[in-house]
PDB file of N, CA and C in Angstrom:
ATOM      1  N   MET A   1     214.808 151.882  11.867  1.00  0.00           N
ATOM      2  CA  MET A   1     213.671 151.146  11.983  1.00  0.00           C
ATOM      3  C   MET A   1     212.794 151.620  13.430  1.00  0.00           C
ATOM      4  N   ASP A   2     211.037 151.264  13.280  1.00  0.00           N
ATOM      5  CA  ASP A   2     210.647 151.930  14.130  1.00  0.00           C
ATOM      6  C   ASP A   2     209.798 150.275  14.266  1.00  0.00           C
ATOM      7  N   GLY A   3     209.920 149.759  14.784  1.00  0.00           N
ATOM      8  CA  GLY A   3     209.892 148.360  15.509  1.00  0.00           C
ATOM      9  C   GLY A   3     208.740 147.368  14.130  1.00  0.00           C
ATOM     10  N   PRO A   4     208.026 146.565  14.191  1.00  0.00           N
ATOM     11  CA  PRO A   4     207.321 145.833  13.402  1.00  0.00           C
ATOM     12  C   PRO A   4     207.066 146.372  12.153  1.00  0.00           C
ATOM     13  N   THR A   5     206.556 148.006  12.408  1.00  0.00           N
ATOM     14  CA  THR A   5     206.375 148.257  11.035  1.00  0.00           C
ATOM     15  C   THR A   5     207.482 148.879  10.106  1.00  0.00           C
ATOM     16  N   ASN A   6     208.245 148.887  10.505  1.00  0.00           N
ATOM     17  CA  ASN A   6     209.632 149.232   9.965  1.00  0.00           C
ATOM     18  C   ASN A   6     209.631 150.885   9.478  1.00  0.00           C
ATOM     19  N   GLY A   7     208.860 152.121  10.476  1.00  0.00           N
ATOM     20  CA  GLY A   7     209.056 153.131  10.158  1.00  0.00           C
ATOM     21  C   GLY A   7     208.031 153.464   8.979  1.00  0.00           C
ATOM     22  N   ARG A   8     207.123 152.389   8.547  1.00  0.00           N
ATOM     23  CA  ARG A   8     205.934 152.629   7.990  1.00  0.00           C
ATOM     24  C   ARG A   8     204.568 152.937   9.025  1.00  0.00           C
ATOM     25  N   PRO A   9     203.629 153.810   8.351  1.00  0.00           N
ATOM     26  CA  PRO A   9     202.372 153.613   9.330  1.00  0.00           C
ATOM     27  C   PRO A   9     201.812 152.148   9.592  1.00  0.00           C
ATOM     28  N   PRO A  10     201.013 152.278  10.483  1.00  0.00           N
ATOM     29  CA  PRO A  10     200.445 150.600  10.874  1.00  0.00           C
ATOM     30  C   PRO A  10     199.074 150.726   9.690  1.00  0.00           C
ATOM     31  N   ARG A  11     198.802 149.615   9.346  1.00  0.00           N
ATOM     32  CA  ARG A  11     198.255 148.950   8.531  1.00  0.00           C
ATOM     33  C   ARG A  11     197.298 147.792   9.075  1.00  0.00           C
ATOM     34  N   ILE A  12     195.952 147.614   8.737  1.00  0.00           N
ATOM     35  CA  ILE A  12     195.150 147.065   8.763  1.00  0.00           C
ATOM     36  C   ILE A  12     195.030 145.957   7.341  1.00  0.00           C
ATOM     37  N   ASP A  13     194.954 144.509   8.245  1.00  0.00           N
ATOM     38  CA  ASP A  13     195.032 143.669   7.380  1.00  0.00           C
ATOM     39  C   ASP A  13     193.685 142.371   7.723  1.00  0.00           C
ATOM     40  N   VAL A  14     192.899 142.784   7.277  1.00  0.00           N
ATOM     41  CA  VAL A  14     191.381 141.837   7.407  1.00  0.00           C
ATOM     42  C   VAL A  14     191.188 140.480   6.616  1.00  0.00           C
ATOM     43  N   LYS A  15     190.947 139.913   6.659  1.00  0.00           N
ATOM     44  CA  LYS A  15     190.266 138.116   6.113  1.00  0.00           C
ATOM     45  C   LYS A  15     188.932 138.052   6.557  1.00  0.00           C
ATOM     46  N   PHE A  16     187.787 137.786   6.235  1.00  0.00           N
ATOM     47  CA  PHE A  16     186.573 137.142   6.331  1.00  0.00           C
ATOM     48  C   PHE A  16     186.948 136.316   5.342  1.00  0.00           C
ATOM     49  N   GLU A  17     187.087 134.642   5.995  1.00  0.00           N
ATOM     50  CA  GLU A  17     186.317 133.359   5.072  1.00  0.00           C
ATOM     51  C   GLU A  17     184.817 133.128   5.638  1.00  0.00           C
ATOM     52  N   THR A  18     184.674 132.492   4.547  1.00  0.00           N
ATOM     53  CA  THR A  18     183.012 132.171   4.955  1.00  0.00           C
ATOM     54  C   THR A  18     183.065 130.736   4.403  1.00  0.00           C
ATOM     55  N   GLY A  19     182.423 129.937   5.282  1.00  0.00           N
ATOM     56  CA  GLY A  19     182.298 128.281   4.724  1.00  0.00           C
ATOM     57  C   GLY A  19     180.811 128.054   4.291  1.00  0.00           C
ATOM     58  N   GLN A  20     179.896 129.227   4.324  1.00  0.00           N
ATOM     59  CA  GLN A  20     178.936 129.001   3.295  1.00  0.00           C
ATOM     60  C   GLN A  20     179.001 128.879   2.190  1.00  0.00           C
ATOM     61  N   ILE A  21     179.684 130.060   1.444  1.00  0.00           N
ATOM     62  CA  ILE A  21     180.110 130.204   0.075  1.00  0.00           C
ATOM     63  C   ILE A  21     180.836 129.857  -0.482  1.00  0.00           C
ATOM     64  N   ALA A  22     180.815 129.086  -1.359  1.00  0.00           N
ATOM     65  CA  ALA A  22     182.157 127.633  -2.072  1.00  0.00           C
ATOM     66  C   ALA A  22     181.895 127.910  -3.536  1.00  0.00           C
ATOM     67  N   PHE A  23     182.779 127.637  -4.342  1.00  0.00           N
ATOM     68  CA  PHE A  23     182.804 127.981  -5.656  1.00  0.00           C
ATOM     69  C   PHE A  23     183.005 126.227  -6.221  1.00  0.00           C
ATOM     70  N   GLU A  24     182.557 125.694  -6.994  1.00  0.00           N
ATOM     71  CA  GLU A  24     182.957 124.191  -7.217  1.00  0.00           C
ATOM     72  C   GLU A  24     182.527 123.779  -8.536  1.00  0.00           C
ATOM     73  N   SER A  25     183.286 123.012  -9.448  1.00  0.00           N
ATOM     74  CA  SER A  25     183.457 122.942 -10.404  1.00  0.00           C
ATOM     75  C   SER A  25     184.496 121.531 -10.667  1.00  0.00           C
ATOM     76  N   THR A  26     183.727 120.657 -11.578  1.00  0.00           N
ATOM     77  CA  THR A  26     184.171 119.259 -11.577  1.00  0.00           C
ATOM     78  C   THR A  26     185.235 119.441 -12.321  1.00  0.00           C
ATOM     79  N   ASP A  27     185.310 120.312 -13.155  1.00  0.00           N
ATOM     80  CA  ASP A  27     186.649 120.030 -14.022  1.00  0.00           C
ATOM     81  C   ASP A  27     187.864 121.171 -13.641  1.00  0.00           C
ATOM     82  N   CYS A  28     187.998 121.104 -12.561  1.00  0.00           N
ATOM     83  CA  CYS A  28     189.020 121.857 -11.674  1.00  0.00           C
ATOM     84  C   CYS A  28     190.151 121.007 -11.056  1.00  0.00           C
ATOM     85  N   ASP A  29     191.249 120.960 -11.349  1.00  0.00           N
ATOM     86  CA  ASP A  29     192.304 120.217 -10.578  1.00  0.00           C
ATOM     87  C   ASP A  29     192.918 121.072  -9.190  1.00  0.00           C
ATOM     88  N   LYS A  30     193.635 120.347  -8.444  1.00  0.00           N
ATOM     89  CA  LYS A  30     194.579 121.079  -7.753  1.00  0.00           C
ATOM     90  C   LYS A  30     195.328 122.378  -8.178  1.00  0.00           C
ATOM     91  N   ALA A  31     196.040 121.998  -9.779  1.00  0.00           N
ATOM     92  CA  ALA A  31     196.629 123.007  -9.783  1.00  0.00           C
ATOM     93  C   ALA A  31     196.357 124.243 -10.583  1.00  0.00           C
ATOM     94  N   ASN A  32     194.919 124.287 -10.715  1.00  0.00           N
ATOM     95  CA  ASN A  32     194.176 125.522 -11.307  1.00  0.00           C
ATOM     96  C   ASN A  32     193.731 125.968 -10.373  1.00  0.00           C
ATOM     97  N   MET A  33     193.155 125.157  -9.125  1.00  0.00           N
ATOM     98  CA  MET A  33     192.712 125.472  -7.453  1.00  0.00           C
ATOM     99  C   MET A  33     193.905 126.821  -7.314  1.00  0.00           C
ATOM    100  N   ASP A  34     194.927 125.886  -7.462  1.00  0.00           N
ATOM    101  CA  ASP A  34     196.200 126.976  -6.945  1.00  0.00           C
ATOM    102  C   ASP A  34     196.349 128.318  -7.754  1.00  0.00           C
ATOM    103  N   ILE A  35     196.054 128.137  -8.974  1.00  0.00           N
ATOM    104  CA  ILE A  35     196.326 129.746  -9.227  1.00  0.00           C
ATOM    105  C   ILE A  35     195.265 130.625  -9.315  1.00  0.00           C
ATOM    106  N   SER A  36     193.761 129.609  -8.823  1.00  0.00           N
ATOM    107  CA  SER A  36     192.958 130.666  -8.895  1.00  0.00           C
ATOM    108  C   SER A  36     192.430 131.078  -7.138  1.00  0.00           C
ATOM    109  N   LYS A  37     193.868 130.410  -6.698  1.00  0.00           N
ATOM    110  CA  LYS A  37     193.608 131.321  -5.120  1.00  0.00           C
ATOM    111  C   LYS A  37     194.313 132.590  -4.793  1.00  0.00           C
ATOM    112  N   GLY A  38     193.359 133.751  -4.479  1.00  0.00           N
ATOM    113  CA  GLY A  38     193.609 134.767  -4.273  1.00  0.00           C
ATOM    114  C   GLY A  38     192.825 136.075  -5.325  1.00  0.00           C
ATOM    115  N   LYS A  39     192.601 135.356  -6.378  1.00  0.00           N
ATOM    116  CA  LYS A  39     192.005 135.941  -7.368  1.00  0.00           C
ATOM    117  C   LYS A  39     190.714 136.381  -7.416  1.00  0.00           C
ATOM    118  N   LEU A  40     190.322 137.795  -8.122  1.00  0.00           N
ATOM    119  CA  LEU A  40     188.953 138.347  -7.836  1.00  0.00           C
ATOM    120  C   LEU A  40     187.954 137.383  -8.480  1.00  0.00           C
ATOM    121  N   VAL A  41     187.000 136.885  -8.033  1.00  0.00           N
ATOM    122  CA  VAL A  41     185.878 136.425  -8.207  1.00  0.00           C
ATOM    123  C   VAL A  41     184.788 137.297  -9.424  1.00  0.00           C
ATOM    124  N   ASN A  42     184.457 136.839 -10.132  1.00  0.00           N
ATOM    125  CA  ASN A  42     183.317 137.942 -11.127  1.00  0.00           C
ATOM    126  C   ASN A  42     183.766 139.084 -10.901  1.00  0.00           C
ATOM    127  N   GLY A  43     184.552 139.794 -10.708  1.00  0.00           N
ATOM    128  CA  GLY A  43     184.864 141.273 -10.869  1.00  0.00           C
ATOM    129  C   GLY A  43     183.838 141.940  -9.205  1.00  0.00           C
ATOM    130  N   ARG A  44     183.798 141.008  -7.993  1.00  0.00           N
ATOM    131  CA  ARG A  44     183.341 141.267  -7.232  1.00  0.00           C
ATOM    132  C   ARG A  44     183.999 142.091  -6.397  1.00  0.00           C
ATOM    133  N   GLN A  45     183.904 143.238  -6.434  1.00  0.00           N
ATOM    134  CA  GLN A  45     184.612 144.359  -5.221  1.00  0.00           C
ATOM    135  C   GLN A  45     183.574 145.637  -5.410  1.00  0.00           C
ATOM    136  N   GLY A  46     184.307 146.238  -4.021  1.00  0.00           N
ATOM    137  CA  GLY A  46     183.743 147.676  -3.586  1.00  0.00           C
ATOM    138  C   GLY A  46     184.592 148.495  -3.168  1.00  0.00           C
ATOM    139  N   ILE A  47     183.940 149.544  -2.571  1.00  0.00           N
ATOM    140  CA  ILE A  47     185.024 150.611  -1.889  1.00  0.00           C
ATOM    141  C   ILE A  47     185.705 150.199  -0.644  1.00  0.00           C
ATOM    142  N   ASN A  48     187.080 150.262  -0.895  1.00  0.00           N
ATOM    143  CA  ASN A  48     188.142 149.142  -0.488  1.00  0.00           C
ATOM    144  C   ASN A  48     187.826 147.380  -0.074  1.00  0.00           C
ATOM    145  N   TRP A  49     187.013 146.863  -0.367  1.00  0.00           N
ATOM    146  CA  TRP A  49     186.952 145.589  -0.280  1.00  0.00           C
ATOM    147  C   TRP A  49     187.162 144.452  -1.509  1.00  0.00           C
ATOM    148  N   LYS A  50     187.308 143.627  -1.712  1.00  0.00           N
ATOM    149  CA  LYS A  50     186.820 142.597  -2.740  1.00  0.00           C
ATOM    150  C   LYS A  50     186.721 141.082  -2.086  1.00  0.00           C
ATOM    151  N   LEU A  51     185.885 140.142  -3.304  1.00  0.00           N
ATOM    152  CA  LEU A  51     185.829 139.109  -2.915  1.00  0.00           C
ATOM    153  C   LEU A  51     186.523 138.235  -3.650  1.00  0.00           C
ATOM    154  N   ILE A  52     187.644 137.427  -3.228  1.00  0.00           N
ATOM    155  CA  ILE A  52     188.722 136.535  -3.567  1.00  0.00           C
ATOM    156  C   ILE A  52     188.245 134.845  -3.723  1.00  0.00           C
ATOM    157  N   ALA A  53     189.224 134.012  -4.160  1.00  0.00           N
ATOM    158  CA  ALA A  53     188.967 132.539  -3.953  1.00  0.00           C
ATOM    159  C   ALA A  53     189.999 132.057  -3.262  1.00  0.00           C
ATOM    160  N   ASP A  54     189.764 131.401  -2.145  1.00  0.00           N
ATOM    161  CA  ASP A  54     190.607 130.738  -1.431  1.00  0.00           C
ATOM    162  C   ASP A  54     190.432 129.084  -1.433  1.00  0.00           C
ATOM    163  N   THR A  55     191.593 128.388  -0.766  1.00  0.00           N
ATOM    164  CA  THR A  55     191.432 126.860  -0.837  1.00  0.00           C
ATOM    165  C   THR A  55     191.263 126.343   0.532  1.00  0.00           C
ATOM    166  N   THR A  56     190.772 127.144   1.453  1.00  0.00           N
ATOM    167  CA  THR A  56     190.584 126.826   2.746  1.00  0.00           C
ATOM    168  C   THR A  56     190.257 125.335   3.032  1.00  0.00           C
ATOM    169  N   LEU A  57     189.502 124.965   1.987  1.00  0.00           N
ATOM    170  CA  LEU A  57     188.662 123.386   2.407  1.00  0.00           C
ATOM    171  C   LEU A  57     190.033 122.324   1.590  1.00  0.00           C
ATOM    172  N   ASN A  58     190.454 122.743   0.823  1.00  0.00           N
ATOM    173  CA  ASN A  58     191.866 121.902   0.458  1.00  0.00           C
ATOM    174  C   ASN A  58     191.359 120.562  -0.212  1.00  0.00           C
ATOM    175  N   ARG A  59     189.875 120.614  -0.688  1.00  0.00           N
ATOM    176  CA  ARG A  59     189.478 119.739  -2.162  1.00  0.00           C
ATOM    177  C   ARG A  59     189.508 120.406  -3.262  1.00  0.00           C
ATOM    178  N   ALA A  60     189.854 119.485  -3.978  1.00  0.00           N
ATOM    179  CA  ALA A  60     190.156 119.592  -5.562  1.00  0.00           C
ATOM    180  C   ALA A  60     188.553 119.532  -6.251  1.00  0.00           C
ATOM    181  N   GLY A  61     188.346 121.013  -6.707  1.00  0.00           N
ATOM    182  CA  GLY A  61     187.038 120.928  -7.449  1.00  0.00           C
ATOM    183  C   GLY A  61     186.291 122.446  -6.477  1.00  0.00           C
ATOM    184  N   ILE A  62     186.453 122.470  -5.337  1.00  0.00           N
ATOM    185  CA  ILE A  62     186.284 123.468  -4.410  1.00  0.00           C
ATOM    186  C   ILE A  62     186.971 124.769  -4.117  1.00  0.00           C
ATOM    187  N   LEU A  63     186.534 125.418  -4.320  1.00  0.00           N
ATOM    188  CA  LEU A  63     187.170 127.172  -3.897  1.00  0.00           C
ATOM    189  C   LEU A  63     186.180 127.525  -3.048  1.00  0.00           C
ATOM    190  N   THR A  64     187.198 128.226  -1.712  1.00  0.00           N
ATOM    191  CA  THR A  64     185.724 128.812  -0.773  1.00  0.00           C
ATOM    192  C   THR A  64     185.955 130.628  -0.931  1.00  0.00           C
ATOM    193  N   ALA A  65     184.850 131.166  -0.534  1.00  0.00           N
ATOM    194  CA  ALA A  65     184.566 132.578  -0.714  1.00  0.00           C
ATOM    195  C   ALA A  65     185.712 133.214   0.569  1.00  0.00           C
ATOM    196  N   GLU A  66     186.549 134.503   0.160  1.00  0.00           N
ATOM    197  CA  GLU A  66     187.262 135.058   1.249  1.00  0.00           C
ATOM    198  C   GLU A  66     187.200 136.648   0.939  1.00  0.00           C
ATOM    199  N   TYR A  67     186.805 136.947   1.656  1.00  0.00           N
ATOM    200  CA  TYR A  67     186.184 138.923   1.719  1.00  0.00           C
ATOM    201  C   TYR A  67     187.214 139.636   2.246  1.00  0.00           C
ATOM    202  N   ILE A  68     188.325 140.464   1.387  1.00  0.00           N
ATOM    203  CA  ILE A  68     189.480 140.858   2.017  1.00  0.00           C
ATOM    204  C   ILE A  68     189.534 142.328   2.395  1.00  0.00           C
ATOM    205  N   LEU A  69     189.688 143.104   3.100  1.00  0.00           N
ATOM    206  CA  LEU A  69     189.817 144.829   3.024  1.00  0.00           C
ATOM    207  C   LEU A  69     190.926 144.758   2.357  1.00  0.00           C
ATOM    208  N   ASP A  70     191.014 146.208   1.634  1.00  0.00           N
ATOM    209  CA  ASP A  70     192.048 146.625   0.884  1.00  0.00           C
ATOM    210  C   ASP A  70     192.811 147.508   2.080  1.00  0.00           C
ATOM    211  N   VAL A  71     193.967 146.896   2.125  1.00  0.00           N
ATOM    212  CA  VAL A  71     194.842 147.816   2.778  1.00  0.00           C
ATOM    213  C   VAL A  71     195.874 148.385   2.608  1.00  0.00           C
ATOM    214  N   THR A  72     195.548 148.885   1.192  1.00  0.00           N
ATOM    215  CA  THR A  72     196.438 149.567   0.480  1.00  0.00           C
ATOM    216  C   THR A  72     195.961 150.799   0.743  1.00  0.00           C
ATOM    217  N   GLN A  73     194.404 150.990   1.010  1.00  0.00           N
ATOM    218  CA  GLN A  73     193.376 152.391   1.406  1.00  0.00           C
ATOM    219  C   GLN A  73     193.192 152.532   2.888  1.00  0.00           C
ATOM    220  N   ILE A  74     192.799 151.077   3.367  1.00  0.00           N
ATOM    221  CA  ILE A  74     192.822 151.457   4.874  1.00  0.00           C
ATOM    222  C   ILE A  74     193.657 151.488   5.846  1.00  0.00           C
ATOM    223  N   LYS A  75     193.713 152.784   6.479  1.00  0.00           N
ATOM    224  CA  LYS A  75     195.043 152.855   7.697  1.00  0.00           C
ATOM    225  C   LYS A  75     194.318 152.842   9.553  1.00  0.00           C
ATOM    226  N   ILE A  76     194.922 152.711  10.071  1.00  0.00           N
ATOM    227  CA  ILE A  76     194.291 153.016  11.277  1.00  0.00           C
ATOM    228  C   ILE A  76     194.029 154.096  11.624  1.00  0.00           C
ATOM    229  N   GLY A  77     192.659 154.181  12.261  1.00  0.00           N
ATOM    230  CA  GLY A  77     192.687 155.868  12.578  1.00  0.00           C
ATOM    231  C   GLY A  77     191.701 156.436  11.488  1.00  0.00           C
ATOM    232  N   ILE A  78     191.850 156.282  10.462  1.00  0.00           N
ATOM    233  CA  ILE A  78     190.575 157.106   9.261  1.00  0.00           C
ATOM    234  C   ILE A  78     189.218 156.981   9.458  1.00  0.00           C
ATOM    235  N   GLY A  79     189.044 155.778   9.960  1.00  0.00           N
ATOM    236  CA  GLY A  79     187.466 155.649   9.938  1.00  0.00           C
ATOM    237  C   GLY A  79     186.779 155.277   8.891  1.00  0.00           C
ATOM    238  N   VAL A  80     187.501 153.992   8.352  1.00  0.00           N
ATOM    239  CA  VAL A  80     186.762 153.856   6.371  1.00  0.00           C
ATOM    240  C   VAL A  80     186.599 151.659   6.654  1.00  0.00           C
ATOM    241  N   ALA A  81     187.207 151.599   7.561  1.00  0.00           N
ATOM    242  CA  ALA A  81     186.931 150.040   7.703  1.00  0.00           C
ATOM    243  C   ALA A  81     185.795 149.128   8.036  1.00  0.00           C
ATOM    244  N   ASN A  82     185.138 150.535   8.957  1.00  0.00           N
ATOM    245  CA  ASN A  82     183.722 149.751   9.364  1.00  0.00           C
ATOM    246  C   ASN A  82     182.433 150.025   8.018  1.00  0.00           C
ATOM    247  N   ALA A  83     182.853 150.973   7.281  1.00  0.00           N
ATOM    248  CA  ALA A  83     182.003 151.008   5.972  1.00  0.00           C
ATOM    249  C   ALA A  83     182.068 149.660   5.043  1.00  0.00           C
ATOM    250  N   ALA A  84     183.367 149.423   4.909  1.00  0.00           N
ATOM    251  CA  ALA A  84     183.914 148.107   3.800  1.00  0.00           C
ATOM    252  C   ALA A  84     183.379 147.005   4.646  1.00  0.00           C
ATOM    253  N   ALA A  85     183.330 146.936   6.192  1.00  0.00           N
ATOM    254  CA  ALA A  85     183.112 145.439   6.410  1.00  0.00           C
ATOM    255  C   ALA A  85     181.662 145.311   6.208  1.00  0.00           C
ATOM    256  N   ALA A  86     180.720 146.279   6.773  1.00  0.00           N
ATOM    257  CA  ALA A  86     179.724 146.504   6.275  1.00  0.00           C
ATOM    258  C   ALA A  86     178.820 145.968   5.148  1.00  0.00           C
ATOM    259  N   ALA A  87     179.864 146.460   4.005  1.00  0.00           N
ATOM    260  CA  ALA A  87     179.351 146.145   2.408  1.00  0.00           C
ATOM    261  C   ALA A  87     179.793 144.692   2.260  1.00  0.00           C
ATOM    262  N   ILE A  88     180.801 144.133   2.808  1.00  0.00           N
ATOM    263  CA  ILE A  88     181.220 143.157   2.908  1.00  0.00           C
ATOM    264  C   ILE A  88     179.957 141.899   3.451  1.00  0.00           C
ATOM    265  N   ALA A  89     179.460 142.472   4.438  1.00  0.00           N
ATOM    266  CA  ALA A  89     178.338 141.716   4.702  1.00  0.00           C
ATOM    267  C   ALA A  89     176.929 141.681   4.204  1.00  0.00           C
ATOM    268  N   ALA A  90     176.656 143.006   3.465  1.00  0.00           N
ATOM    269  CA  ALA A  90     175.547 143.304   2.730  1.00  0.00           C
ATOM    270  C   ALA A  90     175.631 142.477   1.627  1.00  0.00           C
ATOM    271  N   GLU A  91     177.252 142.355   0.913  1.00  0.00           N
ATOM    272  CA  GLU A  91     177.302 141.447  -0.245  1.00  0.00           C
ATOM    273  C   GLU A  91     177.262 140.105  -0.108  1.00  0.00           C
ATOM    274  N   ALA A  92     177.344 139.490   1.044  1.00  0.00           N
ATOM    275  CA  ALA A  92     177.408 138.191   1.291  1.00  0.00           C
ATOM    276  C   ALA A  92     176.211 137.565   1.752  1.00  0.00           C
ATOM    277  N   VAL A  93     175.465 138.232   2.276  1.00  0.00           N
ATOM    278  CA  VAL A  93     173.695 138.279   2.369  1.00  0.00           C
ATOM    279  C   VAL A  93     173.428 137.987   1.278  1.00  0.00           C
ATOM    280  N   ARG A  94     173.439 139.044   0.140  1.00  0.00           N
ATOM    281  CA  ARG A  94     172.839 138.650  -1.213  1.00  0.00           C
ATOM    282  C   ARG A  94     173.509 137.560  -1.934  1.00  0.00           C
ATOM    283  N   LEU A  95     174.494 136.867  -2.127  1.00  0.00           N
ATOM    284  CA  LEU A  95     174.992 135.886  -2.033  1.00  0.00           C
ATOM    285  C   LEU A  95     174.624 134.610  -1.900  1.00  0.00           C
ATOM    286  N   LEU A  96     174.076 134.889  -0.280  1.00  0.00           N
ATOM    287  CA  LEU A  96     173.494 133.634   0.316  1.00  0.00           C
ATOM    288  C   LEU A  96     172.134 133.689   0.378  1.00  0.00           C
ATOM    289  N   HIS A  97     170.888 134.690   0.125  1.00  0.00           N
ATOM    290  CA  HIS A  97     169.928 135.145   0.056  1.00  0.00           C
ATOM    291  C   HIS A  97     169.233 136.231  -1.224  1.00  0.00           C
ATOM    292  N   PRO A  98     169.917 135.247  -2.571  1.00  0.00           N
ATOM    293  CA  PRO A  98     169.607 136.212  -3.659  1.00  0.00           C
ATOM    294  C   PRO A  98     167.756 136.710  -3.884  1.00  0.00           C
ATOM    295  N   SER A  99     167.425 136.480  -2.785  1.00  0.00           N
ATOM    296  CA  SER A  99     165.685 137.287  -3.226  1.00  0.00           C
ATOM    297  C   SER A  99     165.939 138.748  -2.973  1.00  0.00           C
ATOM    298  N   PRO A 100     164.764 139.197  -3.804  1.00  0.00           N
ATOM    299  CA  PRO A 100     164.784 140.885  -3.689  1.00  0.00           C
ATOM    300  C   PRO A 100     164.082 141.398  -2.523  1.00  0.00           C
ATOM    301  N   ASN A 101     163.302 140.239  -1.700  1.00  0.00           N
ATOM    302  CA  ASN A 101     162.603 140.673  -0.663  1.00  0.00           C
ATOM    303  C   ASN A 101     163.353 140.942   0.645  1.00  0.00           C
ATOM    304  N   ILE A 102     164.779 140.102   0.498  1.00  0.00           N
ATOM    305  CA  ILE A 102     165.953 139.858   1.579  1.00  0.00           C
ATOM    306  C   ILE A 102     165.907 141.485   2.239  1.00  0.00           C
ATOM    307  N   LEU A 103     165.628 141.651   3.522  1.00  0.00           N
ATOM    308  CA  LEU A 103     166.198 143.116   4.001  1.00  0.00           C
ATOM    309  C   LEU A 103     167.593 142.914   4.553  1.00  0.00           C
TER     310      LEU A 103
END
């Protein structure tokens, strides 16, 4: 055993929770919210990242957006986390400001 990684290579586990992006449905009860937690949202994913629903607000009918990095592909020291984080930032800007004129 090699410390907390149990002999496996160390990995990155990164989530970006957003308070500005939420998904709302008046038909969504608590049970369905719990089922939706952690699920991919509308196919929104890219190289080493994906957008999932989260129950951060813990309010019926509202799920928040949470971007996560793919820890199965991103390992410490291989230099791909920064590109995935940049893609997440660009995706979040597109969701918040869908105008084609946004920089």
